Amino acid sequence: MQPNHYLPTRQKNKQLRDREHLSPQEVEKLITAAKSIGRHRLRDSTMILLSYRHGLRISELVTLKWSQIDLEQGYVHVLRRKNGIDATHPLFGPELRALRKIQKDYPSTDYVFISERKAPVTEHVFRKIIKRAGEIARLNIKVHPHMLRHATGFKLANEGKDTRSIQHYLGHKNIQHTVRYTDLAASRFKNFWPD
């Protein structure tokens, strides 16, 4: 089959940006930016926070239901996509406070993150939320939702968490998908020269 020279070719990620993850400081700027704009500040900033803290894929985030969350015990049951391994993660202060406020504002919905029409937020809408927050935060990098998942992996690796734990936290069936975070973590070389 001949290539169609009239169709535009997709640029490689390396041409768009020099890395595929955000630093913890950049994620914080993204959350702060989301809190400063639009009618859905709490929802939007909480989506970014949960996506980052739990390494959620966009499809896992927008389909998150209240039945997966226990605010009393403080945990979220993450249902992984792409044949991933489901896991139960603890929820901490900022997440719990934000989720309680969201539940109070929208008490009778199945999905955690909903639109004004009471339908789940779509992947397209979350991509727009991330793009807008990235522009307002002036991150100087073209931001997309999956960068939050990669940011989770790199943060955990840089903190010295073992590869197997990161694998289970991110729901990877194959540890080779996790190794990229530990291979590239700068902290791996931290104590090579203790002077």
C-alpha atoms as a PDB file:
ATOM      1  CA  MET A   1       0.000   0.000   0.000  1.00  0.00           C
ATOM      2  CA  GLN A   2       1.327   3.406  -0.997  1.00  0.00           C
ATOM      3  CA  PRO A   3       1.553   6.147   1.655  1.00  0.00           C
ATOM      4  CA  ASN A   4      -0.890   8.999   1.175  1.00  0.00           C
ATOM      5  CA  HIS A   5       1.279  12.094   0.736  1.00  0.00           C
ATOM      6  CA  TYR A   6      -1.733  14.394   1.057  1.00  0.00           C
ATOM      7  CA  LEU A   7      -2.449  13.461   4.655  1.00  0.00           C
ATOM      8  CA  PRO A   8      -0.430  15.243   7.330  1.00  0.00           C
ATOM      9  CA  THR A   9       1.891  12.965   9.255  1.00  0.00           C
ATOM     10  CA  ARG A  10       1.770  12.951  13.023  1.00  0.00           C
ATOM     11  CA  GLN A  11       4.799  14.529  14.657  1.00  0.00           C
ATOM     12  CA  LYS A  12       6.834  12.320  16.928  1.00  0.00           C
ATOM     13  CA  ASN A  13       6.612  13.163  20.625  1.00  0.00           C
ATOM     14  CA  LYS A  14      10.332  14.039  20.668  1.00  0.00           C
ATOM     15  CA  GLN A  15       9.601  16.782  18.123  1.00  0.00           C
ATOM     16  CA  LEU A  16       6.837  18.231  20.302  1.00  0.00           C
ATOM     17  CA  ARG A  17       8.618  18.113  23.667  1.00  0.00           C
ATOM     18  CA  ASP A  18      11.902  16.885  25.082  1.00  0.00           C
ATOM     19  CA  ARG A  19      10.320  14.742  27.803  1.00  0.00           C
ATOM     20  CA  GLU A  20       7.105  12.883  28.529  1.00  0.00           C
ATOM     21  CA  HIS A  21       6.690  13.633  32.230  1.00  0.00           C
ATOM     22  CA  LEU A  22       6.275  16.586  34.560  1.00  0.00           C
ATOM     23  CA  SER A  23       8.255  17.353  37.687  1.00  0.00           C
ATOM     24  CA  PRO A  24       6.401  17.490  41.028  1.00  0.00           C
ATOM     25  CA  GLN A  25       6.806  21.290  40.943  1.00  0.00           C
ATOM     26  CA  GLU A  26       5.225  21.464  37.481  1.00  0.00           C
ATOM     27  CA  VAL A  27       2.310  19.308  38.623  1.00  0.00           C
ATOM     28  CA  GLU A  28       1.779  21.660  41.561  1.00  0.00           C
ATOM     29  CA  LYS A  29       1.756  24.633  39.167  1.00  0.00           C
ATOM     30  CA  LEU A  30      -0.773  22.801  36.996  1.00  0.00           C
ATOM     31  CA  ILE A  31      -3.050  22.187  40.001  1.00  0.00           C
ATOM     32  CA  THR A  32      -2.711  25.805  41.131  1.00  0.00           C
ATOM     33  CA  ALA A  33      -3.555  27.021  37.618  1.00  0.00           C
ATOM     34  CA  ALA A  34      -6.630  24.764  37.461  1.00  0.00           C
ATOM     35  CA  LYS A  35      -7.795  26.192  40.802  1.00  0.00           C
ATOM     36  CA  SER A  36      -7.633  29.711  39.374  1.00  0.00           C
ATOM     37  CA  ILE A  37      -9.813  29.404  36.269  1.00  0.00           C
ATOM     38  CA  GLY A  38     -13.268  28.401  35.140  1.00  0.00           C
ATOM     39  CA  ARG A  39     -16.467  27.426  36.888  1.00  0.00           C
ATOM     40  CA  HIS A  40     -15.229  23.958  37.793  1.00  0.00           C
ATOM     41  CA  ARG A  41     -12.037  24.843  39.631  1.00  0.00           C
ATOM     42  CA  LEU A  42     -12.442  22.267  42.378  1.00  0.00           C
ATOM     43  CA  ARG A  43     -13.376  19.480  39.977  1.00  0.00           C
ATOM     44  CA  ASP A  44     -10.593  20.289  37.516  1.00  0.00           C
ATOM     45  CA  SER A  45      -7.847  20.639  40.113  1.00  0.00           C
ATOM     46  CA  THR A  46      -8.994  17.456  41.879  1.00  0.00           C
ATOM     47  CA  MET A  47      -8.894  15.536  38.602  1.00  0.00           C
ATOM     48  CA  ILE A  48      -5.276  16.590  38.114  1.00  0.00           C
ATOM     49  CA  LEU A  49      -4.418  15.777  41.738  1.00  0.00           C
ATOM     50  CA  LEU A  50      -5.930  12.271  41.622  1.00  0.00           C
ATOM     51  CA  SER A  51      -4.491  11.517  38.201  1.00  0.00           C
ATOM     52  CA  TYR A  52      -1.028  12.409  39.488  1.00  0.00           C
ATOM     53  CA  ARG A  53      -1.159  10.844  42.937  1.00  0.00           C
ATOM     54  CA  HIS A  54      -2.555   7.550  41.672  1.00  0.00           C
ATOM     55  CA  GLY A  55      -0.952   7.363  38.227  1.00  0.00           C
ATOM     56  CA  LEU A  56      -4.352   7.224  36.564  1.00  0.00           C
ATOM     57  CA  ARG A  57      -4.774   6.907  32.848  1.00  0.00           C
ATOM     58  CA  ILE A  58      -7.274   9.371  31.431  1.00  0.00           C
ATOM     59  CA  SER A  59      -9.804   6.554  30.868  1.00  0.00           C
ATOM     60  CA  GLU A  60      -9.445   5.435  34.502  1.00  0.00           C
ATOM     61  CA  LEU A  61      -9.962   8.986  35.741  1.00  0.00           C
ATOM     62  CA  VAL A  62     -13.081   9.896  33.767  1.00  0.00           C
ATOM     63  CA  THR A  63     -14.786   6.588  34.627  1.00  0.00           C
ATOM     64  CA  LEU A  64     -14.008   6.826  38.363  1.00  0.00           C
ATOM     65  CA  LYS A  65     -17.171   6.142  40.398  1.00  0.00           C
ATOM     66  CA  TRP A  66     -18.076   6.906  43.990  1.00  0.00           C
ATOM     67  CA  SER A  67     -18.494   3.158  44.540  1.00  0.00           C
ATOM     68  CA  GLN A  68     -14.688   2.884  44.123  1.00  0.00           C
ATOM     69  CA  ILE A  69     -14.027   5.431  46.869  1.00  0.00           C
ATOM     70  CA  ASP A  70     -14.347   5.041  50.634  1.00  0.00           C
ATOM     71  CA  LEU A  71     -14.041   8.480  52.203  1.00  0.00           C
ATOM     72  CA  GLU A  72     -14.439   7.094  55.743  1.00  0.00           C
ATOM     73  CA  GLN A  73     -11.578   4.597  55.468  1.00  0.00           C
ATOM     74  CA  GLY A  74      -9.624   6.804  53.080  1.00  0.00           C
ATOM     75  CA  TYR A  75      -9.009   4.668  50.013  1.00  0.00           C
ATOM     76  CA  VAL A  76      -9.739   4.439  46.305  1.00  0.00           C
ATOM     77  CA  HIS A  77     -10.032   1.180  44.393  1.00  0.00           C
ATOM     78  CA  VAL A  78      -8.307   1.819  41.061  1.00  0.00           C
ATOM     79  CA  LEU A  79      -9.750  -0.177  38.175  1.00  0.00           C
ATOM     80  CA  ARG A  80      -6.927  -0.332  35.654  1.00  0.00           C
ATOM     81  CA  ARG A  81      -7.437  -0.349  31.902  1.00  0.00           C
ATOM     82  CA  LYS A  82      -5.245  -1.933  29.221  1.00  0.00           C
ATOM     83  CA  ASN A  83      -5.148  -5.267  31.078  1.00  0.00           C
ATOM     84  CA  GLY A  84      -3.554  -3.599  34.085  1.00  0.00           C
ATOM     85  CA  ILE A  85      -3.689  -4.871  37.649  1.00  0.00           C
ATOM     86  CA  ASP A  86      -6.356  -3.268  39.844  1.00  0.00           C
ATOM     87  CA  ALA A  87      -5.220  -1.956  43.219  1.00  0.00           C
ATOM     88  CA  THR A  88      -6.475  -0.193  46.308  1.00  0.00           C
ATOM     89  CA  HIS A  89      -4.608   3.027  47.120  1.00  0.00           C
ATOM     90  CA  PRO A  90      -4.799   5.160  50.254  1.00  0.00           C
ATOM     91  CA  LEU A  91      -6.235   8.656  49.970  1.00  0.00           C
ATOM     92  CA  PHE A  92      -4.585  11.484  51.879  1.00  0.00           C
ATOM     93  CA  GLY A  93      -5.665  14.844  53.284  1.00  0.00           C
ATOM     94  CA  PRO A  94      -5.839  17.070  50.186  1.00  0.00           C
ATOM     95  CA  GLU A  95      -7.559  14.357  48.149  1.00  0.00           C
ATOM     96  CA  LEU A  96     -10.064  13.520  50.884  1.00  0.00           C
ATOM     97  CA  ARG A  97     -10.973  17.169  51.485  1.00  0.00           C
ATOM     98  CA  ALA A  98     -11.453  17.840  47.778  1.00  0.00           C
ATOM     99  CA  LEU A  99     -13.484  14.669  47.212  1.00  0.00           C
ATOM    100  CA  ARG A 100     -15.748  15.432  50.184  1.00  0.00           C
ATOM    101  CA  LYS A 101     -16.463  18.890  48.763  1.00  0.00           C
ATOM    102  CA  ILE A 102     -17.218  17.439  45.335  1.00  0.00           C
ATOM    103  CA  GLN A 103     -19.540  14.829  46.838  1.00  0.00           C
ATOM    104  CA  LYS A 104     -21.316  17.544  48.828  1.00  0.00           C
ATOM    105  CA  ASP A 105     -21.807  19.640  45.675  1.00  0.00           C
ATOM    106  CA  TYR A 106     -23.040  16.670  43.609  1.00  0.00           C
ATOM    107  CA  PRO A 107     -24.560  14.223  46.124  1.00  0.00           C
ATOM    108  CA  SER A 108     -26.529  11.890  43.870  1.00  0.00           C
ATOM    109  CA  THR A 109     -24.184  11.005  41.021  1.00  0.00           C
ATOM    110  CA  ASP A 110     -22.487   7.719  40.199  1.00  0.00           C
ATOM    111  CA  TYR A 111     -19.396   9.270  38.657  1.00  0.00           C
ATOM    112  CA  VAL A 112     -16.992  11.389  40.676  1.00  0.00           C
ATOM    113  CA  PHE A 113     -16.220  13.918  37.962  1.00  0.00           C
ATOM    114  CA  ILE A 114     -19.281  15.149  36.123  1.00  0.00           C
ATOM    115  CA  SER A 115     -20.232  17.913  33.742  1.00  0.00           C
ATOM    116  CA  GLU A 116     -22.997  20.471  34.235  1.00  0.00           C
ATOM    117  CA  ARG A 117     -25.322  18.003  32.530  1.00  0.00           C
ATOM    118  CA  LYS A 118     -24.565  15.394  35.215  1.00  0.00           C
ATOM    119  CA  ALA A 119     -22.737  13.203  32.697  1.00  0.00           C
ATOM    120  CA  PRO A 120     -19.178  11.968  33.267  1.00  0.00           C
ATOM    121  CA  VAL A 121     -16.455  14.355  32.142  1.00  0.00           C
ATOM    122  CA  THR A 122     -15.129  13.107  28.820  1.00  0.00           C
ATOM    123  CA  GLU A 123     -11.516  12.409  27.904  1.00  0.00           C
ATOM    124  CA  HIS A 124     -11.710  15.290  25.428  1.00  0.00           C
ATOM    125  CA  VAL A 125     -12.782  17.719  28.155  1.00  0.00           C
ATOM    126  CA  PHE A 126      -9.971  16.578  30.475  1.00  0.00           C
ATOM    127  CA  ARG A 127      -7.427  17.081  27.688  1.00  0.00           C
ATOM    128  CA  LYS A 128      -8.713  20.654  27.340  1.00  0.00           C
ATOM    129  CA  ILE A 129      -8.500  21.173  31.121  1.00  0.00           C
ATOM    130  CA  ILE A 130      -4.855  20.037  31.110  1.00  0.00           C
ATOM    131  CA  LYS A 131      -3.967  22.125  28.073  1.00  0.00           C
ATOM    132  CA  ARG A 132      -5.545  25.275  29.523  1.00  0.00           C
ATOM    133  CA  ALA A 133      -3.944  24.761  32.950  1.00  0.00           C
ATOM    134  CA  GLY A 134      -0.561  24.180  31.288  1.00  0.00           C
ATOM    135  CA  GLU A 135      -0.863  27.438  29.370  1.00  0.00           C
ATOM    136  CA  ILE A 136      -1.877  29.420  32.459  1.00  0.00           C
ATOM    137  CA  ALA A 137       0.913  27.806  34.505  1.00  0.00           C
ATOM    138  CA  ARG A 138       3.373  28.773  31.725  1.00  0.00           C
ATOM    139  CA  LEU A 139       5.115  25.425  31.857  1.00  0.00           C
ATOM    140  CA  ASN A 140       6.899  25.943  28.516  1.00  0.00           C
ATOM    141  CA  ILE A 141       6.094  22.379  27.513  1.00  0.00           C
ATOM    142  CA  LYS A 142       3.128  21.005  25.591  1.00  0.00           C
ATOM    143  CA  VAL A 143       1.238  19.210  28.369  1.00  0.00           C
ATOM    144  CA  HIS A 144      -1.036  16.185  27.934  1.00  0.00           C
ATOM    145  CA  PRO A 145      -2.844  14.007  30.530  1.00  0.00           C
ATOM    146  CA  HIS A 146      -0.567  10.959  30.291  1.00  0.00           C
ATOM    147  CA  MET A 147       2.336  13.114  31.477  1.00  0.00           C
ATOM    148  CA  LEU A 148       0.724  12.994  34.931  1.00  0.00           C
ATOM    149  CA  ARG A 149       0.947   9.193  34.978  1.00  0.00           C
ATOM    150  CA  HIS A 150       4.601   9.338  33.935  1.00  0.00           C
ATOM    151  CA  ALA A 151       5.194  12.033  36.571  1.00  0.00           C
ATOM    152  CA  THR A 152       3.922   9.576  39.177  1.00  0.00           C
ATOM    153  CA  GLY A 153       6.360   6.880  38.067  1.00  0.00           C
ATOM    154  CA  PHE A 154       9.340   9.241  38.016  1.00  0.00           C
ATOM    155  CA  LYS A 155       8.453  10.785  41.377  1.00  0.00           C
ATOM    156  CA  LEU A 156       8.227   7.374  43.050  1.00  0.00           C
ATOM    157  CA  ALA A 157      11.469   6.203  41.403  1.00  0.00           C
ATOM    158  CA  ASN A 158      13.296   9.386  42.424  1.00  0.00           C
ATOM    159  CA  GLU A 159      12.140   8.838  46.001  1.00  0.00           C
ATOM    160  CA  GLY A 160      13.843   5.444  45.918  1.00  0.00           C
ATOM    161  CA  LYS A 161      10.699   3.290  45.840  1.00  0.00           C
ATOM    162  CA  ASP A 162      11.498  -0.179  44.558  1.00  0.00           C
ATOM    163  CA  THR A 163      10.570  -1.105  41.005  1.00  0.00           C
ATOM    164  CA  ARG A 164       8.177  -3.875  42.031  1.00  0.00           C
ATOM    165  CA  SER A 165       6.184  -1.506  44.276  1.00  0.00           C
ATOM    166  CA  ILE A 166       5.981   1.083  41.497  1.00  0.00           C
ATOM    167  CA  GLN A 167       4.842  -1.656  39.120  1.00  0.00           C
ATOM    168  CA  HIS A 168       1.946  -2.596  41.386  1.00  0.00           C
ATOM    169  CA  TYR A 169       1.070   1.014  42.174  1.00  0.00           C
ATOM    170  CA  LEU A 170       0.793   1.853  38.466  1.00  0.00           C
ATOM    171  CA  GLY A 171      -0.923  -1.453  37.673  1.00  0.00           C
ATOM    172  CA  HIS A 172       1.639  -2.684  35.142  1.00  0.00           C
ATOM    173  CA  LYS A 173       1.376  -6.393  34.383  1.00  0.00           C
ATOM    174  CA  ASN A 174       4.839  -6.400  32.838  1.00  0.00           C
ATOM    175  CA  ILE A 175       7.657  -4.933  34.916  1.00  0.00           C
ATOM    176  CA  GLN A 176       9.412  -3.788  31.714  1.00  0.00           C
ATOM    177  CA  HIS A 177       6.872  -0.955  31.510  1.00  0.00           C
ATOM    178  CA  THR A 178       7.965   0.168  34.972  1.00  0.00           C
ATOM    179  CA  VAL A 179      11.714  -0.157  34.504  1.00  0.00           C
ATOM    180  CA  ARG A 180      11.830   3.018  32.376  1.00  0.00           C
ATOM    181  CA  TYR A 181      11.163   5.097  35.494  1.00  0.00           C
ATOM    182  CA  THR A 182      13.939   3.545  37.554  1.00  0.00           C
ATOM    183  CA  ASP A 183      16.355   3.467  34.595  1.00  0.00           C
ATOM    184  CA  LEU A 184      16.019   7.219  34.157  1.00  0.00           C
ATOM    185  CA  ALA A 185      15.713   8.266  37.799  1.00  0.00           C
ATOM    186  CA  ALA A 186      18.525  10.652  38.722  1.00  0.00           C
ATOM    187  CA  SER A 187      18.399   9.427  42.324  1.00  0.00           C
ATOM    188  CA  ARG A 188      19.867   6.085  41.229  1.00  0.00           C
ATOM    189  CA  PHE A 189      23.293   7.750  41.213  1.00  0.00           C
ATOM    190  CA  LYS A 190      22.806   9.910  44.300  1.00  0.00           C
ATOM    191  CA  ASN A 191      25.166   8.050  46.652  1.00  0.00           C
ATOM    192  CA  PHE A 192      27.814   6.992  44.136  1.00  0.00           C
ATOM    193  CA  TRP A 193      30.245   9.642  45.422  1.00  0.00           C
ATOM    194  CA  PRO A 194      29.482  10.401  49.070  1.00  0.00           C
ATOM    195  CA  ASP A 195      31.994  13.234  49.479  1.00  0.00           C
END
